[in-house]
Amino acid sequence: MPEHNAAVESAMEGELALLTPEIRRSPERVGALLHPDFHEFGASGRHWSRAAIIASLAATSEPGARPVTVSALRGVQLAPDLVHLTYDTEYDGSRAHRSSLWRRTEGRWLLWFHQATPFSERAT
């Protein structure tokens, strides 16, 4: 069953911030939320490094862009310094199941790992 404690809430706030166009456009703001060892397996199947995802988000996030729609956001604290989040997103007709691991590092919650798996309405 999902937990809602301060650690989970902090990770959720960071995750939702990373999905907003204002944050995504700013390499500094994205970088402030990503762990130095961050990596991602994107919905495309591509493996993203920290530097690559920061550059890609800054290049593709347009002013006035719609935010990503989020549903079924859940979280659980797995260890004192580790939170796991799961949720679904929809953007421009594409849907994905998402999973993120957030690590507390030097007193801040930072996104350490993210994976997105595309799905269709038939698959739900």
N, C-alpha and C. Protein backbone atom coordinates (compact mmCIF):
# COMPACT_ATOMS: atom_id res chain seq x y z
N MET A 1 0.85 -1.19 0.00
CA MET A 1 0.00 0.00 0.00
C MET A 1 0.89 1.25 0.00
N PRO A 2 0.55 2.26 -0.79
CA PRO A 2 1.36 3.47 -0.87
C PRO A 2 1.44 4.20 0.46
N GLU A 3 2.56 4.81 0.69
CA GLU A 3 2.79 5.60 1.89
C GLU A 3 2.73 7.07 1.52
N HIS A 4 2.40 7.89 2.48
CA HIS A 4 2.48 9.34 2.25
C HIS A 4 3.14 9.96 3.46
N ASN A 5 4.48 9.96 3.43
CA ASN A 5 5.24 10.60 4.47
C ASN A 5 6.04 11.73 3.83
N ALA A 6 6.85 12.42 4.61
CA ALA A 6 7.59 13.58 4.10
C ALA A 6 8.52 13.19 2.95
N ALA A 7 9.15 12.03 3.02
CA ALA A 7 10.07 11.61 1.97
C ALA A 7 9.31 11.38 0.66
N VAL A 8 8.21 10.67 0.73
CA VAL A 8 7.40 10.41 -0.46
C VAL A 8 6.86 11.72 -1.03
N GLU A 9 6.38 12.60 -0.17
CA GLU A 9 5.85 13.89 -0.64
C GLU A 9 6.94 14.70 -1.33
N SER A 10 8.15 14.71 -0.78
CA SER A 10 9.25 15.45 -1.41
C SER A 10 9.58 14.89 -2.79
N ALA A 11 9.62 13.58 -2.90
CA ALA A 11 9.90 12.95 -4.20
C ALA A 11 8.79 13.28 -5.19
N MET A 12 7.54 13.22 -4.75
CA MET A 12 6.42 13.54 -5.63
C MET A 12 6.50 14.99 -6.12
N GLU A 13 6.82 15.91 -5.22
CA GLU A 13 6.96 17.31 -5.62
C GLU A 13 8.03 17.47 -6.69
N GLY A 14 9.18 16.82 -6.49
CA GLY A 14 10.26 16.89 -7.46
C GLY A 14 9.86 16.28 -8.79
N GLU A 15 9.19 15.14 -8.75
CA GLU A 15 8.76 14.46 -9.98
C GLU A 15 7.80 15.34 -10.77
N LEU A 16 6.81 15.90 -10.09
CA LEU A 16 5.83 16.74 -10.77
C LEU A 16 6.49 18.02 -11.32
N ALA A 17 7.44 18.55 -10.59
CA ALA A 17 8.17 19.73 -11.08
C ALA A 17 8.88 19.41 -12.39
N LEU A 18 9.50 18.23 -12.47
CA LEU A 18 10.23 17.85 -13.68
C LEU A 18 9.32 17.67 -14.90
N LEU A 19 8.03 17.58 -14.68
CA LEU A 19 7.09 17.41 -15.79
C LEU A 19 6.51 18.73 -16.28
N THR A 20 6.85 19.84 -15.63
CA THR A 20 6.30 21.14 -16.04
C THR A 20 7.21 21.78 -17.09
N PRO A 21 6.61 22.43 -18.07
CA PRO A 21 7.41 23.06 -19.13
C PRO A 21 8.41 24.09 -18.60
N GLU A 22 8.04 24.85 -17.57
CA GLU A 22 8.94 25.88 -17.04
C GLU A 22 10.24 25.28 -16.51
N ILE A 23 10.14 24.18 -15.81
CA ILE A 23 11.33 23.51 -15.26
C ILE A 23 12.11 22.85 -16.39
N ARG A 24 11.42 22.15 -17.26
CA ARG A 24 12.08 21.40 -18.34
C ARG A 24 12.91 22.30 -19.26
N ARG A 25 12.49 23.55 -19.44
CA ARG A 25 13.23 24.49 -20.29
C ARG A 25 14.54 24.95 -19.66
N SER A 26 14.69 24.80 -18.36
CA SER A 26 15.84 25.34 -17.64
C SER A 26 16.84 24.25 -17.27
N PRO A 27 17.99 24.21 -17.95
CA PRO A 27 19.00 23.20 -17.59
C PRO A 27 19.42 23.28 -16.11
N GLU A 28 19.46 24.48 -15.57
CA GLU A 28 19.86 24.64 -14.17
C GLU A 28 18.82 24.04 -13.23
N ARG A 29 17.55 24.29 -13.52
CA ARG A 29 16.48 23.79 -12.65
C ARG A 29 16.33 22.27 -12.77
N VAL A 30 16.46 21.74 -13.98
CA VAL A 30 16.42 20.28 -14.15
C VAL A 30 17.61 19.66 -13.43
N GLY A 31 18.79 20.22 -13.67
CA GLY A 31 20.00 19.69 -13.06
C GLY A 31 19.96 19.68 -11.54
N ALA A 32 19.27 20.66 -10.96
CA ALA A 32 19.17 20.73 -9.50
C ALA A 32 18.31 19.61 -8.93
N LEU A 33 17.51 18.95 -9.77
CA LEU A 33 16.65 17.86 -9.31
C LEU A 33 17.19 16.46 -9.66
N LEU A 34 18.26 16.42 -10.45
CA LEU A 34 18.82 15.13 -10.88
C LEU A 34 20.08 14.78 -10.10
N HIS A 35 20.14 13.55 -9.65
CA HIS A 35 21.31 13.02 -8.96
C HIS A 35 22.50 13.03 -9.93
N PRO A 36 23.72 13.22 -9.44
CA PRO A 36 24.88 13.18 -10.34
C PRO A 36 24.99 11.89 -11.15
N ASP A 37 24.50 10.77 -10.62
CA ASP A 37 24.55 9.48 -11.31
C ASP A 37 23.25 9.13 -12.03
N PHE A 38 22.39 10.11 -12.26
CA PHE A 38 21.09 9.87 -12.90
C PHE A 38 21.24 9.16 -14.25
N HIS A 39 20.30 8.25 -14.50
CA HIS A 39 20.14 7.70 -15.85
C HIS A 39 18.70 7.28 -16.03
N GLU A 40 18.30 7.13 -17.29
CA GLU A 40 16.91 6.85 -17.62
C GLU A 40 16.83 5.91 -18.82
N PHE A 41 15.83 5.04 -18.79
CA PHE A 41 15.42 4.29 -19.96
C PHE A 41 14.11 4.92 -20.40
N GLY A 42 14.15 5.65 -21.51
CA GLY A 42 12.99 6.40 -21.97
C GLY A 42 11.95 5.53 -22.66
N ALA A 43 10.80 6.13 -22.90
CA ALA A 43 9.71 5.42 -23.58
C ALA A 43 10.11 4.97 -24.98
N SER A 44 11.10 5.64 -25.56
CA SER A 44 11.59 5.26 -26.89
C SER A 44 12.52 4.05 -26.84
N GLY A 45 12.93 3.67 -25.63
CA GLY A 45 13.89 2.59 -25.48
C GLY A 45 15.32 3.09 -25.35
N ARG A 46 15.50 4.40 -25.53
CA ARG A 46 16.84 4.99 -25.45
C ARG A 46 17.30 5.07 -24.00
N HIS A 47 18.60 4.86 -23.79
CA HIS A 47 19.22 5.06 -22.49
C HIS A 47 19.74 6.49 -22.45
N TRP A 48 19.29 7.25 -21.46
CA TRP A 48 19.66 8.66 -21.32
C TRP A 48 20.61 8.86 -20.16
N SER A 49 21.66 9.61 -20.38
CA SER A 49 22.54 10.04 -19.29
C SER A 49 21.98 11.34 -18.71
N ARG A 50 22.54 11.77 -17.62
CA ARG A 50 22.12 13.03 -17.00
C ARG A 50 22.31 14.19 -17.98
N ALA A 51 23.50 14.30 -18.56
CA ALA A 51 23.78 15.41 -19.48
C ALA A 51 22.88 15.37 -20.70
N ALA A 52 22.63 14.19 -21.24
CA ALA A 52 21.80 14.07 -22.44
C ALA A 52 20.36 14.46 -22.17
N ILE A 53 19.81 14.07 -21.04
CA ILE A 53 18.41 14.40 -20.76
C ILE A 53 18.26 15.89 -20.48
N ILE A 54 19.21 16.49 -19.78
CA ILE A 54 19.15 17.93 -19.52
C ILE A 54 19.17 18.70 -20.85
N ALA A 55 20.07 18.34 -21.74
CA ALA A 55 20.17 19.02 -23.04
C ALA A 55 18.92 18.81 -23.87
N SER A 56 18.40 17.59 -23.90
CA SER A 56 17.21 17.29 -24.70
C SER A 56 15.99 18.05 -24.20
N LEU A 57 15.78 18.08 -22.90
CA LEU A 57 14.62 18.78 -22.35
C LEU A 57 14.70 20.27 -22.65
N ALA A 58 15.88 20.87 -22.51
CA ALA A 58 16.04 22.30 -22.77
C ALA A 58 15.76 22.61 -24.24
N ALA A 59 16.14 21.71 -25.14
CA ALA A 59 16.00 21.94 -26.58
C ALA A 59 14.57 21.71 -27.08
N THR A 60 13.79 20.88 -26.37
CA THR A 60 12.47 20.52 -26.89
C THR A 60 11.30 21.10 -26.10
N SER A 61 11.57 21.79 -25.00
CA SER A 61 10.48 22.36 -24.19
C SER A 61 10.23 23.79 -24.62
N GLU A 62 9.09 24.01 -25.23
CA GLU A 62 8.75 25.33 -25.76
C GLU A 62 7.97 26.14 -24.73
N PRO A 63 8.17 27.47 -24.73
CA PRO A 63 7.35 28.32 -23.87
C PRO A 63 5.87 28.13 -24.22
N GLY A 64 5.04 28.06 -23.21
CA GLY A 64 3.62 27.89 -23.43
C GLY A 64 3.18 26.46 -23.73
N ALA A 65 4.13 25.51 -23.69
CA ALA A 65 3.78 24.11 -23.96
C ALA A 65 2.85 23.59 -22.86
N ARG A 66 2.01 22.65 -23.26
CA ARG A 66 1.11 22.02 -22.29
C ARG A 66 1.92 21.15 -21.34
N PRO A 67 1.52 21.09 -20.08
CA PRO A 67 2.19 20.15 -19.17
C PRO A 67 1.77 18.72 -19.47
N VAL A 68 2.56 17.80 -19.00
CA VAL A 68 2.26 16.38 -19.12
C VAL A 68 1.13 16.06 -18.15
N THR A 69 0.14 15.27 -18.57
CA THR A 69 -0.95 14.85 -17.69
C THR A 69 -0.50 13.63 -16.90
N VAL A 70 -0.66 13.70 -15.58
CA VAL A 70 -0.22 12.63 -14.68
C VAL A 70 -1.43 12.01 -14.00
N SER A 71 -1.43 10.67 -13.89
CA SER A 71 -2.48 9.98 -13.15
C SER A 71 -1.88 8.83 -12.37
N ALA A 72 -2.61 8.39 -11.37
CA ALA A 72 -2.26 7.22 -10.55
C ALA A 72 -0.88 7.34 -9.90
N LEU A 73 -0.51 8.55 -9.44
CA LEU A 73 0.78 8.75 -8.79
C LEU A 73 0.77 8.10 -7.41
N ARG A 74 1.74 7.21 -7.21
CA ARG A 74 1.88 6.50 -5.93
C ARG A 74 3.34 6.50 -5.53
N GLY A 75 3.59 6.39 -4.24
CA GLY A 75 4.97 6.32 -3.78
C GLY A 75 5.10 5.49 -2.53
N VAL A 76 6.30 4.97 -2.34
CA VAL A 76 6.62 4.20 -1.15
C VAL A 76 8.08 4.46 -0.79
N GLN A 77 8.34 4.62 0.49
CA GLN A 77 9.71 4.78 0.95
C GLN A 77 10.29 3.39 1.16
N LEU A 78 11.30 3.04 0.37
CA LEU A 78 11.91 1.72 0.42
C LEU A 78 12.99 1.60 1.48
N ALA A 79 13.65 2.70 1.78
CA ALA A 79 14.73 2.76 2.77
C ALA A 79 14.81 4.21 3.24
N PRO A 80 15.58 4.49 4.29
CA PRO A 80 15.62 5.87 4.79
C PRO A 80 15.96 6.91 3.72
N ASP A 81 16.78 6.54 2.75
CA ASP A 81 17.21 7.49 1.73
C ASP A 81 16.77 7.10 0.32
N LEU A 82 15.67 6.33 0.20
CA LEU A 82 15.23 5.86 -1.12
C LEU A 82 13.70 5.81 -1.21
N VAL A 83 13.16 6.47 -2.24
CA VAL A 83 11.72 6.49 -2.49
C VAL A 83 11.48 6.00 -3.91
N HIS A 84 10.45 5.16 -4.07
CA HIS A 84 10.04 4.66 -5.38
C HIS A 84 8.68 5.25 -5.72
N LEU A 85 8.58 5.87 -6.90
CA LEU A 85 7.32 6.42 -7.39
C LEU A 85 6.89 5.68 -8.64
N THR A 86 5.59 5.50 -8.82
CA THR A 86 5.03 4.99 -10.06
C THR A 86 3.84 5.87 -10.44
N TYR A 87 3.63 6.01 -11.74
CA TYR A 87 2.52 6.81 -12.23
C TYR A 87 2.38 6.61 -13.73
N ASP A 88 1.31 7.14 -14.29
CA ASP A 88 1.07 7.11 -15.72
C ASP A 88 1.08 8.54 -16.24
N THR A 89 1.52 8.70 -17.50
CA THR A 89 1.48 10.01 -18.14
C THR A 89 0.81 9.91 -19.50
N GLU A 90 0.29 11.06 -19.92
CA GLU A 90 -0.23 11.19 -21.27
C GLU A 90 0.21 12.55 -21.79
N TYR A 91 0.74 12.55 -23.02
CA TYR A 91 1.19 13.79 -23.65
C TYR A 91 1.10 13.62 -25.16
N ASP A 92 0.37 14.51 -25.80
CA ASP A 92 0.19 14.47 -27.25
C ASP A 92 -0.25 13.09 -27.76
N GLY A 93 -1.14 12.43 -27.01
CA GLY A 93 -1.67 11.14 -27.43
C GLY A 93 -0.82 9.95 -27.07
N SER A 94 0.36 10.17 -26.52
CA SER A 94 1.23 9.06 -26.09
C SER A 94 1.06 8.83 -24.59
N ARG A 95 0.98 7.57 -24.22
CA ARG A 95 0.82 7.21 -22.81
C ARG A 95 1.98 6.34 -22.38
N ALA A 96 2.37 6.48 -21.09
CA ALA A 96 3.47 5.68 -20.57
C ALA A 96 3.26 5.39 -19.09
N HIS A 97 3.62 4.18 -18.70
CA HIS A 97 3.76 3.83 -17.29
C HIS A 97 5.16 4.31 -16.90
N ARG A 98 5.29 4.92 -15.74
CA ARG A 98 6.58 5.46 -15.33
C ARG A 98 6.95 5.00 -13.92
N SER A 99 8.25 4.85 -13.72
CA SER A 99 8.81 4.41 -12.45
C SER A 99 10.06 5.24 -12.17
N SER A 100 10.15 5.79 -10.97
CA SER A 100 11.29 6.63 -10.60
C SER A 100 11.82 6.23 -9.23
N LEU A 101 13.13 6.33 -9.09
CA LEU A 101 13.78 6.16 -7.80
C LEU A 101 14.43 7.47 -7.41
N TRP A 102 14.08 7.96 -6.24
CA TRP A 102 14.61 9.20 -5.69
C TRP A 102 15.50 8.87 -4.50
N ARG A 103 16.71 9.44 -4.48
CA ARG A 103 17.66 9.22 -3.38
C ARG A 103 17.91 10.52 -2.63
N ARG A 104 17.90 10.42 -1.31
CA ARG A 104 18.27 11.59 -0.50
C ARG A 104 19.79 11.67 -0.52
N THR A 105 20.29 12.79 -1.00
CA THR A 105 21.72 13.00 -1.14
C THR A 105 22.05 14.37 -0.55
N GLU A 106 22.88 14.38 0.46
CA GLU A 106 23.26 15.63 1.13
C GLU A 106 22.02 16.43 1.54
N GLY A 107 21.02 15.72 2.06
CA GLY A 107 19.82 16.36 2.58
C GLY A 107 18.76 16.73 1.57
N ARG A 108 19.00 16.44 0.27
CA ARG A 108 18.02 16.78 -0.77
C ARG A 108 17.59 15.52 -1.49
N TRP A 109 16.33 15.48 -1.91
CA TRP A 109 15.82 14.36 -2.69
C TRP A 109 16.10 14.62 -4.16
N LEU A 110 16.85 13.70 -4.80
CA LEU A 110 17.25 13.84 -6.19
C LEU A 110 16.84 12.60 -6.98
N LEU A 111 16.41 12.82 -8.21
CA LEU A 111 16.02 11.72 -9.07
C LEU A 111 17.26 10.96 -9.51
N TRP A 112 17.31 9.68 -9.17
CA TRP A 112 18.47 8.83 -9.44
C TRP A 112 18.26 7.95 -10.67
N PHE A 113 17.02 7.46 -10.84
CA PHE A 113 16.72 6.58 -11.97
C PHE A 113 15.27 6.77 -12.40
N HIS A 114 15.04 6.70 -13.72
CA HIS A 114 13.68 6.81 -14.25
C HIS A 114 13.52 5.86 -15.43
N GLN A 115 12.33 5.26 -15.53
CA GLN A 115 12.02 4.40 -16.68
C GLN A 115 10.60 4.68 -17.11
N ALA A 116 10.40 4.72 -18.44
CA ALA A 116 9.08 4.90 -19.02
C ALA A 116 8.80 3.75 -19.98
N THR A 117 7.61 3.20 -19.88
CA THR A 117 7.18 2.11 -20.76
C THR A 117 5.90 2.52 -21.45
N PRO A 118 5.92 2.67 -22.79
CA PRO A 118 4.70 3.08 -23.48
C PRO A 118 3.60 2.03 -23.35
N PHE A 119 2.35 2.50 -23.37
CA PHE A 119 1.22 1.56 -23.39
C PHE A 119 0.06 2.20 -24.14
N SER A 120 -0.86 1.36 -24.57
CA SER A 120 -2.05 1.84 -25.26
C SER A 120 -3.25 1.52 -24.39
N GLU A 121 -4.37 2.08 -24.76
CA GLU A 121 -5.62 1.85 -24.02
C GLU A 121 -5.93 0.36 -23.93
N ARG A 122 -5.64 -0.39 -24.99
CA ARG A 122 -5.91 -1.83 -25.01
C ARG A 122 -5.08 -2.57 -23.95
N ALA A 123 -3.91 -2.03 -23.60
CA ALA A 123 -3.00 -2.73 -22.68
C ALA A 123 -3.34 -2.51 -21.22
N THR A 124 -4.25 -1.60 -20.90
CA THR A 124 -4.52 -1.26 -19.49
C THR A 124 -5.43 -2.21 -18.81
